[in-house]
Amino acid sequence: MTETKFSFRYAFSQKGWVNTDIFRESISFFNTETKTKLSSPLQYWLLIVDGHSSHECLKTIKFCHDNCIILYCLPSHTTHALQPLDVGLFSPLKQAWARAVASEEYDGRKVTKANFLEIYGNVHLKSFTSANILSSFHKTGIWPLDPTIITTDMMAMSTTESVDINTVSPIVIPSPVKQGAQYFWNEHERQKAAQLSVETPCTPTCLSQTMFHTPSQLPRTPSRLPINPQLHQNLSPIHHSSQQPSPTLTDPFLDNCPHDGATDLHASFADSSMAFLMSPTHISATPTMPPHVYLRHLSIRIAQTPIANFPPLPPGSDPDALLTECTGLHAEVTALKLHVLELEEKMEAGVDTANAQLLFMASMLDHSLEQLVQKDKKKKKGKKAFWVRGGKPAVLTDEAMIDALEHEEAQKLAKEAEKETKKAAAANKKLQANELKILKKLREEAWEMAKLDNETVLMSWEAAKLEACRIGSGVPPKPPLAL
């Protein structure tokens, strides 16, 4: 551990994570700094840690046991409510760090490795005050001891059912989008349950809910002033009588839905900008857009223009001039209305497109979360969450826990020794195989050399045999060959 000009030290590892060596040094430093605050050398004091694997080191636990340090490990998945650092210290630390970084950038400087410790040291001292530390212990119910602070809801496991879309998504999700995602998920679960019931007939179970919780009441449009129906007719696209209506193509996914949610969904979407998504007919080449969003959320009334309420002409005024002026104003107003209608159509098209994208993105996000949960379950299946504790709270310095750790350590060492033995045997076997390959290669090379020598001897003998036949002398005996 490295000392700094502040009253704390820091350590680092090659991988950037805390390990058993760093934790052992921090425990030693903790013992040195806090021992003088005890009333007697035999007094015990409590140190609460989370379930990180570096905390279950046998040497560190024995050190704590010998120095009267009670090392208490929190249960798994509870640090968000029981660990004072998570509850009341990390949040002000992050805020203070963000302000410090912004201040450095405002002054034209950057946070680098050279000035990181100085900047963080000041931030740490401003955040980890005595008041914040005591408040964190109070909020967790550790000191003063108050078990009623931790409720059952706080300890509920985080699943796809407990995830709120508004916290996952960076934007506010409209109610129709959440309703549509809920419908798609329920339909997917219904089809999956039907398929399972066909493969293995059994009593159907309750379908799992998703992160898009269906409200007890369907989303309603905010109450506004009544809308003039004539205004809707004026803003709706004009359909000529010469156009033939497109044939109605029913969608079995929407029309033949056996569960009760489909009717409510149709009723919910009928009054939203996403009504066209639930239409039983296919979208034609020139689709009719749903009613404008702003008409349902804004109080609209026909403006009383000076042209509509024209006062009596004053005596001596020129009617032709006033008529010309009114005609020009009327033309400008008409042009402005047409421009506003064009902008509204573009805005409505963008809103519908965005809602449709949000709907399918939300459905995909829900499906991805479910896949991650299933993958995590498969990964953890058959494995203990932690070494000896199994994720449960425990006093690591207890005699029984130390015995269990020693037994586990002995088994671990035995497995490592067996693994090393197998590794050495495999290496020896591989070495013998390599030696055998070398001998085989040498034998093949020797055989090739012997073949060359035999061929040379045979060629010499054939030449001597031919020469003996030519001169009429005796044929020489065939020489022996190397085998």
Protein backbone atom coordinates (compact mmCIF):
# COMPACT_ATOMS: atom_id res chain seq x y z
CA MET A 1 0.00 0.00 0.00
CA THR A 2 1.25 3.46 -0.90
CA GLU A 3 1.06 6.40 1.49
CA THR A 4 -0.25 9.81 0.43
CA LYS A 5 -0.27 13.28 1.95
CA PHE A 6 -3.82 12.52 3.09
CA SER A 7 -4.70 10.27 6.02
CA PHE A 8 -5.33 7.21 3.87
CA ARG A 9 -3.46 4.81 1.63
CA TYR A 10 -4.22 3.16 -1.67
CA ALA A 11 -3.25 -0.09 -3.39
CA PHE A 12 -3.61 -1.49 -6.87
CA SER A 13 -3.49 -4.80 -8.67
CA GLN A 14 -2.58 -5.82 -12.18
CA LYS A 15 -6.19 -6.57 -13.12
CA GLY A 16 -7.66 -3.55 -11.34
CA TRP A 17 -9.71 -5.61 -8.86
CA VAL A 18 -9.20 -6.17 -5.16
CA ASN A 19 -7.55 -9.49 -4.33
CA THR A 20 -6.65 -11.42 -1.19
CA ASP A 21 -3.26 -9.70 -0.83
CA ILE A 22 -4.76 -6.21 -0.92
CA PHE A 23 -7.50 -7.18 1.52
CA ARG A 24 -4.93 -8.73 3.89
CA GLU A 25 -2.91 -5.51 3.87
CA SER A 26 -6.01 -3.40 4.44
CA ILE A 27 -6.98 -5.57 7.43
CA SER A 28 -3.51 -5.15 8.87
CA PHE A 29 -3.75 -1.38 8.40
CA PHE A 30 -7.24 -1.39 9.95
CA ASN A 31 -5.93 -3.28 12.97
CA THR A 32 -3.05 -0.85 13.46
CA GLU A 33 -5.21 2.27 13.18
CA THR A 34 -8.12 1.12 15.37
CA LYS A 35 -6.42 -0.91 18.08
CA THR A 36 -5.58 2.15 20.14
CA LYS A 37 -9.27 3.12 20.28
CA LEU A 38 -10.22 0.01 22.25
CA SER A 39 -10.61 0.12 25.99
CA SER A 40 -8.62 -3.10 26.44
CA PRO A 41 -6.46 -5.35 24.22
CA LEU A 42 -8.96 -8.21 24.66
CA GLN A 43 -11.94 -6.20 23.47
CA TYR A 44 -13.57 -7.36 20.23
CA TRP A 45 -14.68 -5.05 17.47
CA LEU A 46 -16.84 -5.70 14.46
CA LEU A 47 -15.89 -5.31 10.80
CA ILE A 48 -18.68 -5.78 8.24
CA VAL A 49 -17.75 -6.79 4.69
CA ASP A 50 -19.58 -8.00 1.62
CA GLY A 51 -19.32 -11.43 0.04
CA HIS A 52 -16.41 -10.81 -2.30
CA SER A 53 -14.17 -13.82 -2.75
CA SER A 54 -11.12 -11.89 -1.52
CA HIS A 55 -12.71 -11.67 1.95
CA GLU A 56 -12.82 -15.47 2.36
CA CYS A 57 -9.07 -15.87 2.65
CA LEU A 58 -8.05 -18.29 5.41
CA LYS A 59 -4.88 -16.38 6.36
CA THR A 60 -6.79 -13.11 6.69
CA ILE A 61 -9.57 -14.73 8.72
CA LYS A 62 -7.04 -16.30 11.09
CA PHE A 63 -5.35 -12.92 11.47
CA CYS A 64 -8.70 -11.35 12.39
CA HIS A 65 -9.42 -14.18 14.83
CA ASP A 66 -6.07 -13.79 16.54
CA ASN A 67 -6.51 -10.00 16.83
CA CYS A 68 -10.11 -10.07 18.17
CA ILE A 69 -11.64 -8.74 14.96
CA ILE A 70 -15.11 -10.14 14.25
CA LEU A 71 -15.33 -10.36 10.47
CA TYR A 72 -19.03 -10.45 9.57
CA CYS A 73 -19.98 -11.12 5.96
CA LEU A 74 -23.29 -9.79 4.60
CA PRO A 75 -25.62 -12.11 2.69
CA SER A 76 -25.49 -12.00 -1.07
CA HIS A 77 -27.60 -9.51 -3.07
CA THR A 78 -28.23 -7.28 -0.02
CA THR A 79 -25.47 -4.67 -0.21
CA HIS A 80 -27.90 -2.19 -1.83
CA ALA A 81 -29.72 -2.03 1.50
CA LEU A 82 -27.24 -3.24 4.13
CA GLN A 83 -23.87 -1.83 3.08
CA PRO A 84 -23.33 1.74 4.32
CA LEU A 85 -21.07 2.54 1.36
CA ASP A 86 -23.84 1.79 -1.14
CA VAL A 87 -26.60 3.37 0.92
CA GLY A 88 -25.18 6.74 1.89
CA LEU A 89 -21.57 7.32 0.80
CA PHE A 90 -21.09 6.45 -2.85
CA SER A 91 -23.83 8.83 -4.01
CA PRO A 92 -22.30 12.01 -2.49
CA LEU A 93 -18.88 10.77 -3.61
CA LYS A 94 -20.04 10.51 -7.24
CA GLN A 95 -21.67 13.94 -7.08
CA ALA A 96 -18.60 15.55 -5.57
CA TRP A 97 -16.36 13.84 -8.12
CA ALA A 98 -18.53 15.08 -10.99
CA ARG A 99 -18.33 18.63 -9.63
CA ALA A 100 -14.56 18.37 -9.24
CA VAL A 101 -14.09 17.12 -12.80
CA ALA A 102 -16.37 19.86 -14.14
CA SER A 103 -14.40 22.45 -12.17
CA GLU A 104 -11.12 21.20 -13.61
CA GLU A 105 -12.51 21.32 -17.14
CA TYR A 106 -13.96 24.77 -16.55
CA ASP A 107 -10.49 26.01 -15.57
CA GLY A 108 -8.99 24.48 -18.70
CA ARG A 109 -7.35 21.53 -16.97
CA LYS A 110 -7.86 17.77 -17.25
CA VAL A 111 -7.87 14.95 -14.73
CA THR A 112 -4.77 12.89 -15.42
CA LYS A 113 -2.79 10.22 -13.61
CA ALA A 114 -0.52 12.94 -12.23
CA ASN A 115 -3.27 14.90 -10.43
CA PHE A 116 -5.87 12.13 -9.93
CA LEU A 117 -4.89 11.31 -6.33
CA GLU A 118 -4.92 14.93 -5.21
CA ILE A 119 -8.33 15.63 -6.76
CA TYR A 120 -9.85 12.40 -5.52
CA GLY A 121 -8.35 12.86 -2.06
CA ASN A 122 -10.10 16.19 -1.62
CA VAL A 123 -13.35 14.74 -2.97
CA HIS A 124 -13.08 11.74 -0.66
CA LEU A 125 -12.59 13.90 2.42
CA LYS A 126 -15.55 16.09 1.48
CA SER A 127 -17.83 13.09 0.93
CA PHE A 128 -16.75 10.66 3.65
CA THR A 129 -17.54 12.98 6.53
CA SER A 130 -18.47 11.81 10.00
CA ALA A 131 -22.06 12.93 9.46
CA ASN A 132 -22.40 10.96 6.20
CA ILE A 133 -20.80 7.86 7.71
CA LEU A 134 -23.05 7.90 10.79
CA SER A 135 -26.07 8.55 8.61
CA SER A 136 -25.19 5.58 6.40
CA PHE A 137 -25.01 3.25 9.38
CA HIS A 138 -28.32 4.62 10.62
CA LYS A 139 -30.05 4.14 7.24
CA THR A 140 -28.96 0.51 7.08
CA GLY A 141 -30.17 -0.17 10.64
CA ILE A 142 -26.74 -1.40 11.71
CA TRP A 143 -26.14 1.30 14.31
CA PRO A 144 -28.23 2.10 16.22
CA LEU A 145 -29.57 -1.42 15.66
CA ASP A 146 -33.00 -1.22 14.03
CA PRO A 147 -34.13 -4.34 12.11
CA THR A 148 -37.41 -2.67 11.13
CA ILE A 149 -35.62 -0.41 8.64
CA ILE A 150 -35.03 -3.31 6.24
CA THR A 151 -38.34 -4.39 4.73
CA THR A 152 -39.27 -7.49 2.74
CA ASP A 153 -39.71 -5.47 -0.45
CA MET A 154 -36.13 -4.20 -0.16
CA MET A 155 -34.87 -7.79 -0.08
CA ALA A 156 -36.95 -8.95 -3.08
CA MET A 157 -34.82 -10.43 -5.86
CA SER A 158 -34.40 -8.34 -8.99
CA THR A 159 -35.99 -10.04 -11.99
CA THR A 160 -37.53 -8.98 -15.25
CA GLU A 161 -40.82 -8.57 -13.37
CA SER A 162 -39.35 -5.97 -11.02
CA VAL A 163 -37.63 -3.83 -13.66
CA ASP A 164 -39.40 -0.60 -14.47
CA ILE A 165 -39.24 0.47 -18.10
CA ASN A 166 -39.04 4.12 -17.07
CA THR A 167 -35.77 3.39 -15.25
CA VAL A 168 -34.36 1.28 -18.07
CA SER A 169 -35.27 3.57 -20.95
CA PRO A 170 -33.58 6.98 -21.23
CA ILE A 171 -36.86 8.54 -22.42
CA VAL A 172 -40.41 8.56 -21.11
CA ILE A 173 -42.38 5.68 -22.59
CA PRO A 174 -45.99 6.53 -23.54
CA SER A 175 -48.76 4.38 -22.09
CA PRO A 176 -49.80 2.92 -25.48
CA VAL A 177 -46.25 1.71 -26.05
CA LYS A 178 -46.15 -0.04 -22.68
CA GLN A 179 -49.61 -1.46 -23.34
CA GLY A 180 -48.51 -2.78 -26.73
CA ALA A 181 -45.33 -4.33 -25.35
CA GLN A 182 -47.36 -6.00 -22.60
CA TYR A 183 -49.76 -7.40 -25.20
CA PHE A 184 -46.98 -8.78 -27.40
CA TRP A 185 -45.29 -10.40 -24.43
CA ASN A 186 -48.51 -12.00 -23.20
CA GLU A 187 -49.23 -13.31 -26.68
CA HIS A 188 -45.71 -14.75 -26.89
CA GLU A 189 -46.10 -16.44 -23.50
CA ARG A 190 -49.55 -17.73 -24.47
CA GLN A 191 -48.21 -19.31 -27.66
CA LYS A 192 -45.24 -20.79 -25.81
CA ALA A 193 -47.52 -22.24 -23.10
CA ALA A 194 -49.82 -23.66 -25.78
CA GLN A 195 -46.87 -25.32 -27.51
CA LEU A 196 -45.68 -26.83 -24.23
CA SER A 197 -49.16 -28.08 -23.43
CA VAL A 198 -49.29 -29.83 -26.81
CA GLU A 199 -45.89 -31.44 -26.32
CA THR A 200 -46.40 -32.39 -22.66
CA PRO A 201 -50.05 -32.06 -21.52
CA CYS A 202 -50.18 -30.55 -18.09
CA THR A 203 -52.07 -27.97 -16.10
CA PRO A 204 -51.25 -24.53 -17.49
CA THR A 205 -49.40 -22.31 -15.10
CA CYS A 206 -49.62 -18.59 -14.70
CA LEU A 207 -47.68 -16.76 -17.33
CA SER A 208 -44.80 -14.68 -16.11
CA GLN A 209 -45.26 -10.97 -16.12
CA THR A 210 -42.88 -8.64 -17.79
CA MET A 211 -41.26 -5.37 -16.95
CA PHE A 212 -44.21 -3.58 -18.56
CA HIS A 213 -46.82 -3.93 -15.85
CA THR A 214 -50.38 -3.57 -17.08
CA PRO A 215 -52.13 -0.93 -14.97
CA SER A 216 -55.36 -1.77 -13.21
CA GLN A 217 -57.08 0.77 -15.44
CA LEU A 218 -56.33 1.32 -19.06
CA PRO A 219 -54.49 4.54 -19.96
CA ARG A 220 -56.96 7.30 -20.61
CA THR A 221 -56.64 10.47 -22.55
CA PRO A 222 -56.39 13.53 -20.28
CA SER A 223 -59.72 15.26 -19.97
CA ARG A 224 -59.82 18.33 -22.17
CA LEU A 225 -62.41 20.60 -23.64
CA PRO A 226 -64.68 18.97 -26.24
CA ILE A 227 -63.31 18.96 -29.75
CA ASN A 228 -65.28 20.23 -32.67
CA PRO A 229 -66.03 17.22 -34.92
CA GLN A 230 -66.10 19.47 -37.96
CA LEU A 231 -62.50 20.34 -37.31
CA HIS A 232 -61.59 16.64 -37.43
CA GLN A 233 -63.39 16.33 -40.73
CA ASN A 234 -61.57 19.32 -42.15
CA LEU A 235 -58.20 17.92 -41.12
CA SER A 236 -58.88 14.38 -42.30
CA PRO A 237 -57.63 13.37 -45.76
CA ILE A 238 -60.27 13.53 -48.50
CA HIS A 239 -61.16 10.19 -50.08
CA HIS A 240 -62.66 10.38 -53.55
CA SER A 241 -65.62 8.20 -54.31
CA SER A 242 -63.83 6.80 -57.35
CA GLN A 243 -61.31 4.99 -55.18
CA GLN A 244 -62.16 1.37 -54.43
CA PRO A 245 -61.90 0.33 -50.78
CA SER A 246 -59.13 -2.13 -50.08
CA PRO A 247 -60.25 -5.65 -49.22
CA THR A 248 -60.37 -6.40 -45.51
CA LEU A 249 -57.73 -8.91 -44.51
CA THR A 250 -58.25 -10.18 -41.00
CA ASP A 251 -55.25 -10.83 -38.83
CA PRO A 252 -55.66 -13.99 -36.72
CA PHE A 253 -53.03 -12.70 -34.32
CA LEU A 254 -55.28 -9.78 -33.41
CA ASP A 255 -58.82 -10.94 -34.19
CA ASN A 256 -58.77 -14.48 -32.85
CA CYS A 257 -57.09 -13.78 -29.54
CA PRO A 258 -58.71 -15.94 -26.85
CA HIS A 259 -57.54 -14.05 -23.78
CA ASP A 260 -59.16 -10.97 -22.33
CA GLY A 261 -56.30 -8.54 -22.92
CA ALA A 262 -56.89 -8.14 -26.65
CA THR A 263 -60.22 -6.33 -26.29
CA ASP A 264 -58.80 -3.94 -23.73
CA LEU A 265 -55.77 -3.37 -25.92
CA HIS A 266 -57.91 -2.54 -28.95
CA ALA A 267 -59.92 -0.12 -26.84
CA SER A 268 -56.74 1.43 -25.46
CA PHE A 269 -55.09 1.85 -28.86
CA ALA A 270 -58.23 3.15 -30.53
CA ASP A 271 -57.72 6.45 -28.73
CA SER A 272 -53.99 6.73 -29.27
CA SER A 273 -51.57 7.73 -31.99
CA MET A 274 -50.69 4.06 -32.46
CA ALA A 275 -54.17 2.91 -33.53
CA PHE A 276 -52.87 2.05 -36.99
CA LEU A 277 -50.63 -0.67 -35.49
CA MET A 278 -53.70 -2.62 -34.32
CA SER A 279 -55.66 -2.22 -37.54
CA PRO A 280 -56.92 -5.57 -38.95
CA THR A 281 -56.25 -4.37 -42.50
CA HIS A 282 -52.92 -3.99 -44.17
CA ILE A 283 -51.58 -0.50 -44.69
CA SER A 284 -52.22 0.63 -48.24
CA ALA A 285 -49.89 2.58 -50.49
CA THR A 286 -51.49 5.84 -49.29
CA PRO A 287 -52.40 5.10 -45.68
CA THR A 288 -54.70 7.31 -43.69
CA MET A 289 -52.97 8.66 -40.63
CA PRO A 290 -54.75 8.54 -37.26
CA PRO A 291 -56.16 11.71 -35.69
CA HIS A 292 -53.55 14.26 -34.76
CA VAL A 293 -52.04 13.94 -31.32
CA TYR A 294 -52.40 17.57 -30.45
CA LEU A 295 -56.16 17.46 -31.09
CA ARG A 296 -56.59 15.05 -28.20
CA HIS A 297 -54.37 16.83 -25.75
CA LEU A 298 -55.00 20.51 -26.43
CA SER A 299 -58.14 22.55 -26.10
CA ILE A 300 -58.95 23.81 -29.60
CA ARG A 301 -61.45 26.40 -30.62
CA ILE A 302 -62.05 28.26 -33.84
CA ALA A 303 -60.39 31.65 -33.67
CA GLN A 304 -62.67 34.64 -34.09
CA THR A 305 -60.85 36.61 -36.76
CA PRO A 306 -61.57 40.22 -37.70
CA ILE A 307 -62.82 38.93 -41.04
CA ALA A 308 -65.49 36.78 -39.42
CA ASN A 309 -66.66 39.57 -37.09
CA PHE A 310 -66.31 42.55 -39.35
CA PRO A 311 -67.70 45.74 -37.72
CA PRO A 312 -69.84 48.22 -39.62
CA LEU A 313 -67.92 50.46 -42.01
CA PRO A 314 -67.25 53.96 -40.65
CA PRO A 315 -68.73 56.79 -42.66
CA GLY A 316 -66.50 58.06 -45.46
CA SER A 317 -64.42 54.84 -45.81
CA ASP A 318 -63.69 53.26 -49.16
CA PRO A 319 -65.40 49.84 -49.36
CA ASP A 320 -63.25 48.69 -52.28
CA ALA A 321 -60.01 49.40 -50.44
CA LEU A 322 -61.21 47.60 -47.30
CA LEU A 323 -62.39 44.66 -49.40
CA THR A 324 -59.01 44.43 -51.10
CA GLU A 325 -57.23 44.54 -47.71
CA CYS A 326 -59.52 41.87 -46.27
CA THR A 327 -58.98 39.66 -49.30
CA GLY A 328 -55.21 39.92 -48.90
CA LEU A 329 -55.43 39.14 -45.19
CA HIS A 330 -57.71 36.18 -45.91
CA ALA A 331 -55.22 34.82 -48.44
CA GLU A 332 -52.38 35.13 -45.92
CA VAL A 333 -54.41 33.38 -43.22
CA THR A 334 -55.30 30.59 -45.66
CA ALA A 335 -51.65 30.13 -46.61
CA LEU A 336 -50.65 30.03 -42.94
CA LYS A 337 -53.32 27.43 -42.20
CA LEU A 338 -52.08 25.25 -45.05
CA HIS A 339 -48.51 25.58 -43.79
CA VAL A 340 -49.62 24.65 -40.27
CA LEU A 341 -51.44 21.61 -41.62
CA GLU A 342 -48.30 20.48 -43.45
CA LEU A 343 -46.22 20.87 -40.30
CA GLU A 344 -48.82 18.96 -38.27
CA GLU A 345 -48.82 16.10 -40.78
CA LYS A 346 -45.03 15.86 -40.61
CA MET A 347 -45.09 16.03 -36.82
CA GLU A 348 -47.80 13.37 -36.60
CA ALA A 349 -45.90 11.08 -38.95
CA GLY A 350 -42.79 11.47 -36.81
CA VAL A 351 -44.74 10.76 -33.61
CA ASP A 352 -46.30 7.60 -35.04
CA THR A 353 -42.96 6.38 -36.33
CA ALA A 354 -41.30 7.04 -32.98
CA ASN A 355 -44.09 5.25 -31.10
CA ALA A 356 -43.83 2.24 -33.38
CA GLN A 357 -40.05 2.12 -32.90
CA LEU A 358 -40.44 2.43 -29.14
CA LEU A 359 -42.95 -0.40 -29.14
CA PHE A 360 -40.71 -2.88 -30.90
CA MET A 361 -37.60 -1.68 -29.08
CA ALA A 362 -39.36 -2.17 -25.75
CA SER A 363 -40.45 -5.67 -26.77
CA MET A 364 -36.90 -6.51 -27.85
CA LEU A 365 -35.51 -5.10 -24.60
CA ASP A 366 -37.90 -7.24 -22.58
CA HIS A 367 -36.94 -10.33 -24.58
CA SER A 368 -33.22 -9.57 -24.15
CA LEU A 369 -33.61 -9.21 -20.38
CA GLU A 370 -35.37 -12.56 -20.20
CA GLN A 371 -32.57 -14.17 -22.21
CA LEU A 372 -29.97 -12.69 -19.86
CA VAL A 373 -31.85 -14.04 -16.85
CA GLN A 374 -32.04 -17.53 -18.35
CA LYS A 375 -28.36 -17.40 -19.32
CA ASP A 376 -27.41 -16.35 -15.79
CA LYS A 377 -29.49 -19.20 -14.34
CA LYS A 378 -27.72 -21.74 -16.57
CA LYS A 379 -24.34 -20.32 -15.64
CA LYS A 380 -25.03 -20.52 -11.92
CA LYS A 381 -26.74 -23.92 -12.06
CA GLY A 382 -24.81 -26.47 -10.04
CA LYS A 383 -22.42 -23.89 -8.63
CA LYS A 384 -22.26 -22.35 -5.18
CA ALA A 385 -22.62 -18.60 -5.16
CA PHE A 386 -19.72 -18.29 -2.74
CA TRP A 387 -16.98 -20.52 -1.46
CA VAL A 388 -18.19 -21.95 1.87
CA ARG A 389 -21.06 -19.72 2.92
CA GLY A 390 -23.21 -20.33 -0.17
CA GLY A 391 -24.22 -16.66 -0.16
CA LYS A 392 -25.59 -16.71 3.41
CA PRO A 393 -24.57 -14.29 6.18
CA ALA A 394 -21.84 -15.64 8.41
CA VAL A 395 -19.22 -14.67 10.98
CA LEU A 396 -16.06 -15.63 9.13
CA THR A 397 -13.94 -15.60 12.28
CA ASP A 398 -16.12 -18.22 13.97
CA GLU A 399 -14.36 -21.44 14.98
CA ALA A 400 -16.72 -23.59 12.92
CA MET A 401 -16.24 -21.35 9.89
CA ILE A 402 -12.45 -21.51 10.26
CA ASP A 403 -12.62 -25.32 10.47
CA ALA A 404 -14.80 -25.38 7.36
CA LEU A 405 -12.38 -23.08 5.56
CA GLU A 406 -9.42 -25.22 6.60
CA HIS A 407 -11.22 -28.34 5.36
CA GLU A 408 -12.10 -26.59 2.12
CA GLU A 409 -8.54 -25.34 1.80
CA ALA A 410 -7.19 -28.86 2.34
CA GLN A 411 -9.55 -30.22 -0.30
CA LYS A 412 -8.54 -27.41 -2.62
CA LEU A 413 -4.85 -28.17 -2.08
CA ALA A 414 -5.50 -31.88 -2.60
CA LYS A 415 -7.31 -31.16 -5.85
CA GLU A 416 -4.49 -28.89 -6.94
CA ALA A 417 -1.93 -31.57 -6.05
CA GLU A 418 -3.96 -34.17 -7.96
CA LYS A 419 -4.21 -31.78 -10.84
CA GLU A 420 -0.45 -31.21 -10.78
CA THR A 421 0.12 -34.96 -10.64
CA LYS A 422 -2.12 -35.50 -13.63
CA LYS A 423 -0.40 -32.64 -15.38
CA ALA A 424 3.04 -34.12 -14.69
CA ALA A 425 1.86 -37.56 -15.86
CA ALA A 426 0.47 -36.02 -19.03
CA ALA A 427 3.75 -34.17 -19.57
CA ASN A 428 5.74 -37.38 -19.01
CA LYS A 429 3.49 -39.25 -21.41
CA LYS A 430 3.89 -36.53 -23.96
CA LEU A 431 7.67 -36.62 -23.49
CA GLN A 432 7.72 -40.37 -24.03
CA ALA A 433 5.58 -39.97 -27.12
CA ASN A 434 8.00 -37.37 -28.44
CA GLU A 435 10.95 -39.65 -27.72
CA LEU A 436 9.18 -42.50 -29.51
CA LYS A 437 8.55 -40.23 -32.49
CA ILE A 438 12.25 -39.29 -32.54
CA LEU A 439 13.34 -42.95 -32.40
CA LYS A 440 10.88 -43.83 -35.13
CA LYS A 441 12.19 -41.01 -37.26
CA LEU A 442 15.80 -42.10 -36.67
CA ARG A 443 14.90 -45.68 -37.58
CA GLU A 444 13.23 -44.51 -40.78
CA GLU A 445 16.29 -42.44 -41.67
CA ALA A 446 18.60 -45.42 -40.93
CA TRP A 447 16.43 -47.64 -43.10
CA GLU A 448 16.58 -45.15 -45.94
CA MET A 449 20.40 -45.08 -45.66
CA ALA A 450 20.51 -48.87 -45.59
CA LYS A 451 18.35 -49.04 -48.71
CA LEU A 452 20.74 -46.69 -50.49
CA ASP A 453 23.72 -48.80 -49.40
CA ASN A 454 22.01 -52.02 -50.55
CA GLU A 455 21.18 -50.48 -53.91
CA THR A 456 24.83 -49.41 -54.31
CA VAL A 457 26.13 -52.91 -53.41
CA LEU A 458 23.63 -54.56 -55.78
CA MET A 459 24.59 -52.24 -58.61
CA SER A 460 28.29 -53.09 -58.07
CA TRP A 461 27.48 -56.81 -58.00
CA GLU A 462 25.42 -56.56 -61.19
CA ALA A 463 28.29 -54.76 -62.92
CA ALA A 464 30.79 -57.43 -61.76
CA LYS A 465 28.40 -60.19 -62.88
CA LEU A 466 28.10 -58.70 -66.38
CA GLU A 467 31.86 -58.31 -66.64
CA ALA A 468 32.40 -61.95 -65.58
CA CYS A 469 29.95 -63.18 -68.19
CA ARG A 470 31.70 -61.14 -70.88
CA ILE A 471 35.15 -62.53 -70.18
CA GLY A 472 33.85 -66.02 -69.38
CA SER A 473 35.05 -66.16 -65.79
CA GLY A 474 33.07 -67.33 -62.78
CA VAL A 475 30.19 -65.28 -61.46
CA PRO A 476 31.00 -63.63 -58.12
CA PRO A 477 28.77 -64.55 -55.18
CA LYS A 478 25.93 -62.17 -54.28
CA PRO A 479 27.03 -59.91 -51.40
CA PRO A 480 25.02 -59.85 -48.12
CA LEU A 481 22.54 -56.92 -47.72
CA ALA A 482 21.82 -54.86 -44.67
CA LEU A 483 18.40 -55.49 -43.10
